[in-house]
Amino acid sequence: QVQLVESGGGVVQAGGSLRLSCAASGRTFRSYAMGWFSQGPGMEREYVAAINRSGGVTYYADSVKGRFTISRDNAKNTVYLQMNSLKPEDTAVYYCAAGPLTSRSAREYNYWGQGTQVTVSS
């Protein structure tokens, strides 16, 4: 089992940057693929990015490709989401998740953090 805690959210102007962190407890972090998802007000949770266990393979939603970067540091039990060129439509609660394989589907992830709010003002 793994527990996840996100941090790094906040309020930023359009065009700005934020880096989200997700710290995992336990010694099995490197056994999990990790994903980031977002959920705007009144919307379903949406896939943002995913990274495999070693960190060598990454995937992105088309809406964030070229602007966001997912990475992980297995020595620190942490996964990151670097968010650049932020847009008002990126405003959402961002969740990290852990699962056996990288996937675009939230149902494939077993463990979730509590989320961190990102607000992008125009």
Protein backbone atom coordinates (compact mmCIF):
# COMPACT_ATOMS: atom_id res chain seq x y z
CA GLN A 1 0.00 0.00 0.00
CA VAL A 2 1.13 3.55 -0.67
CA GLN A 3 -0.09 6.92 0.56
CA LEU A 4 0.23 9.97 -1.67
CA VAL A 5 0.37 13.64 -0.71
CA GLU A 6 0.36 16.39 -3.35
CA SER A 7 1.75 19.89 -2.91
CA GLY A 8 2.74 22.87 -5.00
CA GLY A 9 -0.62 24.14 -6.16
CA GLY A 10 -1.56 27.80 -6.04
CA VAL A 11 -2.72 30.82 -7.99
CA VAL A 12 -0.72 31.90 -11.04
CA GLN A 13 -1.29 34.22 -13.96
CA ALA A 14 -1.76 32.89 -17.46
CA GLY A 15 1.60 32.10 -19.01
CA GLY A 16 3.15 31.32 -15.65
CA SER A 17 4.54 28.10 -14.23
CA LEU A 18 4.01 25.80 -11.27
CA ARG A 19 5.64 22.57 -10.17
CA LEU A 20 3.49 20.04 -8.41
CA SER A 21 5.00 17.38 -6.20
CA CYS A 22 3.52 14.12 -5.00
CA ALA A 23 5.30 12.43 -2.10
CA ALA A 24 4.68 8.75 -1.52
CA SER A 25 5.05 6.80 1.67
CA GLY A 26 6.42 3.28 1.85
CA ARG A 27 9.29 1.43 0.26
CA THR A 28 7.35 0.24 -2.77
CA PHE A 29 7.10 3.53 -4.68
CA ARG A 30 9.34 2.28 -7.47
CA SER A 31 6.94 -0.62 -8.00
CA TYR A 32 4.20 1.69 -9.24
CA ALA A 33 3.52 3.58 -12.40
CA MET A 34 2.35 7.09 -11.60
CA GLY A 35 -0.18 9.39 -13.16
CA TRP A 36 -1.48 12.92 -12.83
CA PHE A 37 -5.15 13.75 -13.34
CA SER A 38 -7.12 16.98 -13.16
CA GLN A 39 -10.70 17.72 -12.21
CA GLY A 40 -12.29 21.06 -12.94
CA PRO A 41 -15.49 22.31 -11.30
CA GLY A 42 -18.42 20.14 -12.31
CA MET A 43 -16.23 18.03 -14.57
CA GLU A 44 -15.03 14.45 -14.60
CA ARG A 45 -11.48 13.60 -13.63
CA GLU A 46 -9.25 13.84 -16.70
CA TYR A 47 -5.94 12.26 -17.55
CA VAL A 48 -2.97 14.65 -17.73
CA ALA A 49 0.24 12.59 -17.78
CA ALA A 50 1.75 9.26 -16.76
CA ILE A 51 5.21 7.84 -16.14
CA ASN A 52 6.42 4.28 -15.91
CA ARG A 53 8.15 2.71 -12.92
CA SER A 54 11.68 3.63 -13.90
CA GLY A 55 10.82 7.08 -15.17
CA GLY A 56 12.14 6.31 -18.62
CA VAL A 57 8.80 6.47 -20.44
CA THR A 58 6.28 9.29 -20.22
CA TYR A 59 2.88 9.97 -21.75
CA TYR A 60 0.81 13.13 -22.03
CA ALA A 61 -2.68 14.26 -22.88
CA ASP A 62 -2.71 16.25 -26.11
CA SER A 63 -3.91 19.33 -24.23
CA VAL A 64 -0.71 19.55 -22.18
CA LYS A 65 1.88 18.11 -24.55
CA GLY A 66 4.80 20.51 -24.90
CA ARG A 67 3.76 22.49 -21.81
CA PHE A 68 3.80 19.96 -18.95
CA THR A 69 6.55 17.54 -17.94
CA ILE A 70 6.13 14.56 -15.64
CA SER A 71 9.16 13.14 -13.86
CA ARG A 72 9.96 11.04 -10.82
CA ASP A 73 12.76 10.57 -8.32
CA ASN A 74 12.56 7.05 -6.94
CA ALA A 75 15.23 7.82 -4.33
CA LYS A 76 12.95 10.52 -2.92
CA ASN A 77 9.67 8.64 -3.46
CA THR A 78 8.36 11.65 -5.36
CA VAL A 79 6.71 12.33 -8.69
CA TYR A 80 6.57 15.82 -10.18
CA LEU A 81 4.49 17.71 -12.70
CA GLN A 82 6.21 20.77 -14.14
CA MET A 83 3.52 23.01 -15.62
CA ASN A 84 4.60 25.79 -17.98
CA SER A 85 2.67 28.23 -20.18
CA LEU A 86 -0.36 27.77 -17.98
CA LYS A 87 -3.79 28.68 -19.35
CA PRO A 88 -7.03 29.56 -17.52
CA GLU A 89 -8.50 26.27 -18.75
CA ASP A 90 -5.82 24.41 -16.75
CA THR A 91 -7.60 25.53 -13.57
CA ALA A 92 -8.51 22.38 -11.64
CA VAL A 93 -7.69 20.21 -8.69
CA TYR A 94 -4.73 18.04 -9.63
CA TYR A 95 -4.39 14.51 -8.27
CA CYS A 96 -1.53 12.07 -8.41
CA ALA A 97 -2.23 8.36 -8.57
CA ALA A 98 -0.31 5.09 -8.35
CA GLY A 99 -1.06 1.89 -10.21
CA PRO A 100 0.48 -1.23 -11.73
CA LEU A 101 0.80 0.16 -15.26
CA THR A 102 0.72 3.53 -16.99
CA SER A 103 -2.78 4.25 -18.23
CA ARG A 104 -5.01 7.09 -19.36
CA SER A 105 -7.87 5.58 -17.37
CA ALA A 106 -8.37 6.63 -13.77
CA ARG A 107 -9.86 3.19 -13.08
CA GLU A 108 -6.45 1.57 -13.58
CA TYR A 109 -4.94 3.40 -10.61
CA ASN A 110 -5.30 1.98 -7.12
CA TYR A 111 -4.10 4.81 -4.90
CA TRP A 112 -4.87 8.52 -4.97
CA GLY A 113 -3.74 11.65 -3.21
CA GLN A 114 -6.07 14.27 -1.80
CA GLY A 115 -5.42 16.75 -4.60
CA THR A 116 -3.94 20.23 -4.86
CA GLN A 117 -5.74 23.25 -6.34
CA VAL A 118 -4.28 25.04 -9.34
CA THR A 119 -5.91 28.32 -10.36
CA VAL A 120 -4.78 30.18 -13.47
CA SER A 121 -6.03 33.74 -13.79
CA SER A 122 -6.41 35.51 -17.12
